[in-house]
Amino acid sequence: MSEDCMLNVSQVKKLVRTIVAFRHDEMTCEICFHALDRYVEMTLEGKNAAEAMPLVQSHLQGCTECGEEFQALLEALKAIEDAHEG
């Protein structure tokens, strides 16, 4: 096996965490995307979105793309809120 095909320790740990954390009811990126606006709204309202929407939270922790989408949406809405307050 060439070195290009080898995983580093960090990649192996992430893979193991993903396998261990996988749930049969885990949501897809598409479903997460459709729930993301409500999740962000709850977060901005100071509500515990992770508790109210645990599958979204779980998906965001395990999916880099959706996690980045969440952060971008959260930052954009915070900026809009700040502009309206200022």
N, C-alpha and C. Protein backbone atom coordinates (compact mmCIF):
# COMPACT_ATOMS: atom_id res chain seq x y z
N MET A 1 0.85 -1.17 0.00
CA MET A 1 0.00 0.00 0.00
C MET A 1 0.90 1.23 0.00
N SER A 2 0.62 2.19 -0.85
CA SER A 2 1.44 3.40 -0.91
C SER A 2 1.09 4.33 0.23
N GLU A 3 2.02 5.24 0.51
CA GLU A 3 1.79 6.20 1.60
C GLU A 3 0.62 7.12 1.29
N ASP A 4 0.31 7.34 0.01
CA ASP A 4 -0.81 8.20 -0.37
C ASP A 4 -2.15 7.64 0.10
N CYS A 5 -2.22 6.33 0.27
CA CYS A 5 -3.47 5.68 0.67
C CYS A 5 -3.59 5.51 2.18
N MET A 6 -2.58 5.89 2.91
CA MET A 6 -2.58 5.67 4.36
C MET A 6 -3.32 6.82 5.05
N LEU A 7 -4.01 6.50 6.11
CA LEU A 7 -4.71 7.50 6.91
C LEU A 7 -3.81 7.94 8.06
N ASN A 8 -3.89 9.22 8.41
CA ASN A 8 -3.15 9.66 9.58
C ASN A 8 -4.01 9.42 10.82
N VAL A 9 -3.44 9.63 11.98
CA VAL A 9 -4.14 9.35 13.24
C VAL A 9 -5.42 10.17 13.36
N SER A 10 -5.37 11.43 12.98
CA SER A 10 -6.55 12.29 13.05
C SER A 10 -7.68 11.76 12.17
N GLN A 11 -7.35 11.32 10.98
CA GLN A 11 -8.36 10.79 10.07
C GLN A 11 -8.97 9.50 10.60
N VAL A 12 -8.15 8.66 11.20
CA VAL A 12 -8.65 7.41 11.77
C VAL A 12 -9.59 7.70 12.93
N LYS A 13 -9.21 8.65 13.80
CA LYS A 13 -10.06 9.01 14.94
C LYS A 13 -11.41 9.54 14.46
N LYS A 14 -11.38 10.40 13.44
CA LYS A 14 -12.63 10.95 12.91
C LYS A 14 -13.49 9.84 12.33
N LEU A 15 -12.89 8.92 11.62
CA LEU A 15 -13.62 7.80 11.03
C LEU A 15 -14.26 6.94 12.12
N VAL A 16 -13.52 6.65 13.17
CA VAL A 16 -14.04 5.84 14.27
C VAL A 16 -15.19 6.56 14.96
N ARG A 17 -15.03 7.87 15.22
CA ARG A 17 -16.12 8.64 15.86
C ARG A 17 -17.37 8.62 14.99
N THR A 18 -17.19 8.75 13.70
CA THR A 18 -18.33 8.74 12.78
C THR A 18 -19.04 7.39 12.81
N ILE A 19 -18.28 6.32 12.79
CA ILE A 19 -18.86 4.98 12.82
C ILE A 19 -19.59 4.73 14.14
N VAL A 20 -18.96 5.11 15.24
CA VAL A 20 -19.56 4.89 16.56
C VAL A 20 -20.82 5.74 16.74
N ALA A 21 -20.79 6.96 16.21
CA ALA A 21 -21.91 7.88 16.41
C ALA A 21 -23.05 7.67 15.42
N PHE A 22 -22.84 6.87 14.39
CA PHE A 22 -23.87 6.70 13.37
C PHE A 22 -25.14 6.12 13.98
N ARG A 23 -26.23 6.71 13.61
CA ARG A 23 -27.54 6.26 14.08
C ARG A 23 -28.39 5.95 12.85
N HIS A 24 -29.22 4.95 12.97
CA HIS A 24 -30.06 4.58 11.82
C HIS A 24 -31.02 5.69 11.46
N ASP A 25 -31.33 6.56 12.41
CA ASP A 25 -32.26 7.65 12.14
C ASP A 25 -31.55 8.96 11.81
N GLU A 26 -30.25 8.85 11.55
CA GLU A 26 -29.47 10.05 11.24
C GLU A 26 -30.02 10.70 9.96
N MET A 27 -30.02 12.01 9.94
CA MET A 27 -30.59 12.70 8.79
C MET A 27 -29.58 12.93 7.68
N THR A 28 -30.09 13.18 6.52
CA THR A 28 -29.26 13.47 5.35
C THR A 28 -28.96 14.97 5.32
N CYS A 29 -28.02 15.34 4.48
CA CYS A 29 -27.69 16.76 4.31
C CYS A 29 -28.91 17.54 3.81
N GLU A 30 -29.67 16.94 2.92
CA GLU A 30 -30.85 17.61 2.37
C GLU A 30 -31.87 17.91 3.46
N ILE A 31 -32.14 16.95 4.32
CA ILE A 31 -33.09 17.16 5.41
C ILE A 31 -32.54 18.20 6.38
N CYS A 32 -31.25 18.10 6.68
CA CYS A 32 -30.63 19.07 7.59
C CYS A 32 -30.75 20.48 7.01
N PHE A 33 -30.48 20.62 5.72
CA PHE A 33 -30.55 21.93 5.08
C PHE A 33 -31.94 22.54 5.24
N HIS A 34 -32.98 21.73 5.11
CA HIS A 34 -34.34 22.25 5.24
C HIS A 34 -34.69 22.62 6.68
N ALA A 35 -34.00 22.05 7.65
CA ALA A 35 -34.26 22.35 9.06
C ALA A 35 -33.33 23.43 9.59
N LEU A 36 -32.32 23.78 8.82
CA LEU A 36 -31.27 24.66 9.31
C LEU A 36 -31.76 26.06 9.67
N ASP A 37 -32.69 26.61 8.90
CA ASP A 37 -33.16 27.96 9.20
C ASP A 37 -33.82 28.02 10.57
N ARG A 38 -34.63 27.04 10.89
CA ARG A 38 -35.28 27.00 12.21
C ARG A 38 -34.25 26.80 13.32
N TYR A 39 -33.27 25.95 13.07
CA TYR A 39 -32.22 25.70 14.05
C TYR A 39 -31.45 26.99 14.35
N VAL A 40 -31.12 27.74 13.31
CA VAL A 40 -30.40 29.00 13.48
C VAL A 40 -31.28 30.02 14.20
N GLU A 41 -32.56 30.10 13.83
CA GLU A 41 -33.47 31.02 14.51
C GLU A 41 -33.54 30.73 16.00
N MET A 42 -33.66 29.46 16.35
CA MET A 42 -33.71 29.09 17.76
C MET A 42 -32.42 29.49 18.47
N THR A 43 -31.30 29.27 17.82
CA THR A 43 -30.01 29.63 18.39
C THR A 43 -29.95 31.13 18.65
N LEU A 44 -30.38 31.93 17.68
CA LEU A 44 -30.36 33.38 17.83
C LEU A 44 -31.33 33.87 18.90
N GLU A 45 -32.41 33.13 19.11
CA GLU A 45 -33.38 33.49 20.14
C GLU A 45 -32.92 33.06 21.53
N GLY A 46 -31.76 32.42 21.61
CA GLY A 46 -31.24 31.97 22.90
C GLY A 46 -31.84 30.67 23.39
N LYS A 47 -32.56 30.00 22.51
CA LYS A 47 -33.16 28.71 22.87
C LYS A 47 -32.13 27.60 22.66
N ASN A 48 -32.35 26.47 23.31
CA ASN A 48 -31.44 25.34 23.18
C ASN A 48 -31.82 24.52 21.95
N ALA A 49 -31.30 24.95 20.81
CA ALA A 49 -31.62 24.29 19.54
C ALA A 49 -31.12 22.85 19.52
N ALA A 50 -29.98 22.60 20.14
CA ALA A 50 -29.42 21.24 20.16
C ALA A 50 -30.34 20.28 20.89
N GLU A 51 -30.96 20.75 21.96
CA GLU A 51 -31.88 19.91 22.72
C GLU A 51 -33.19 19.72 21.97
N ALA A 52 -33.66 20.78 21.33
CA ALA A 52 -34.93 20.72 20.62
C ALA A 52 -34.82 19.94 19.31
N MET A 53 -33.65 19.98 18.70
CA MET A 53 -33.45 19.33 17.39
C MET A 53 -32.16 18.51 17.42
N PRO A 54 -32.15 17.42 18.21
CA PRO A 54 -30.91 16.66 18.39
C PRO A 54 -30.36 16.02 17.12
N LEU A 55 -31.22 15.65 16.19
CA LEU A 55 -30.70 15.05 14.96
C LEU A 55 -29.98 16.08 14.10
N VAL A 56 -30.47 17.31 14.10
CA VAL A 56 -29.78 18.38 13.38
C VAL A 56 -28.43 18.62 14.05
N GLN A 57 -28.42 18.72 15.36
CA GLN A 57 -27.18 18.93 16.10
C GLN A 57 -26.17 17.83 15.80
N SER A 58 -26.62 16.60 15.83
CA SER A 58 -25.75 15.47 15.55
C SER A 58 -25.20 15.55 14.13
N HIS A 59 -26.04 15.90 13.20
CA HIS A 59 -25.59 16.01 11.81
C HIS A 59 -24.57 17.13 11.66
N LEU A 60 -24.82 18.27 12.28
CA LEU A 60 -23.90 19.40 12.18
C LEU A 60 -22.53 19.06 12.77
N GLN A 61 -22.51 18.26 13.81
CA GLN A 61 -21.24 17.86 14.42
C GLN A 61 -20.46 16.92 13.52
N GLY A 62 -21.15 16.13 12.71
CA GLY A 62 -20.48 15.14 11.90
C GLY A 62 -20.29 15.50 10.44
N CYS A 63 -20.90 16.59 10.01
CA CYS A 63 -20.84 16.97 8.59
C CYS A 63 -20.21 18.35 8.45
N THR A 64 -19.02 18.39 7.92
CA THR A 64 -18.30 19.65 7.77
C THR A 64 -19.07 20.64 6.91
N GLU A 65 -19.60 20.19 5.79
CA GLU A 65 -20.31 21.09 4.87
C GLU A 65 -21.53 21.72 5.53
N CYS A 66 -22.33 20.93 6.20
CA CYS A 66 -23.53 21.47 6.86
C CYS A 66 -23.14 22.35 8.04
N GLY A 67 -22.08 21.97 8.74
CA GLY A 67 -21.59 22.79 9.84
C GLY A 67 -21.15 24.17 9.36
N GLU A 68 -20.47 24.20 8.22
CA GLU A 68 -20.05 25.48 7.64
C GLU A 68 -21.25 26.29 7.18
N GLU A 69 -22.25 25.62 6.62
CA GLU A 69 -23.48 26.30 6.19
C GLU A 69 -24.18 26.92 7.40
N PHE A 70 -24.24 26.17 8.50
CA PHE A 70 -24.83 26.67 9.74
C PHE A 70 -24.10 27.93 10.21
N GLN A 71 -22.77 27.87 10.26
CA GLN A 71 -21.99 29.01 10.73
C GLN A 71 -22.20 30.23 9.83
N ALA A 72 -22.22 30.02 8.52
CA ALA A 72 -22.41 31.13 7.58
C ALA A 72 -23.79 31.77 7.76
N LEU A 73 -24.82 30.94 7.89
CA LEU A 73 -26.17 31.46 8.07
C LEU A 73 -26.30 32.19 9.41
N LEU A 74 -25.73 31.61 10.44
CA LEU A 74 -25.76 32.23 11.77
C LEU A 74 -25.08 33.60 11.74
N GLU A 75 -23.90 33.67 11.15
CA GLU A 75 -23.17 34.94 11.07
C GLU A 75 -23.93 35.97 10.23
N ALA A 76 -24.52 35.55 9.13
CA ALA A 76 -25.27 36.47 8.27
C ALA A 76 -26.48 37.04 9.00
N LEU A 77 -27.22 36.18 9.69
CA LEU A 77 -28.40 36.66 10.41
C LEU A 77 -28.02 37.53 11.61
N LYS A 78 -26.90 37.23 12.26
CA LYS A 78 -26.42 38.08 13.35
C LYS A 78 -26.07 39.47 12.81
N ALA A 79 -25.43 39.51 11.66
CA ALA A 79 -25.06 40.79 11.05
C ALA A 79 -26.30 41.60 10.70
N ILE A 80 -27.33 40.93 10.19
CA ILE A 80 -28.58 41.62 9.87
C ILE A 80 -29.23 42.15 11.13
N GLU A 81 -29.26 41.33 12.18
CA GLU A 81 -29.83 41.77 13.47
C GLU A 81 -29.07 42.97 14.00
N ASP A 82 -27.75 42.92 13.95
CA ASP A 82 -26.92 44.01 14.45
C ASP A 82 -27.17 45.29 13.66
N ALA A 83 -27.35 45.17 12.35
CA ALA A 83 -27.59 46.33 11.50
C ALA A 83 -28.94 46.98 11.83
N HIS A 84 -29.94 46.16 12.15
CA HIS A 84 -31.26 46.69 12.49
C HIS A 84 -31.27 47.32 13.87
N GLU A 85 -30.43 46.81 14.77
CA GLU A 85 -30.37 47.36 16.12
C GLU A 85 -29.56 48.64 16.17
N GLY A 86 -28.61 48.77 15.24
CA GLY A 86 -27.68 49.91 15.25
C GLY A 86 -28.19 51.11 14.62
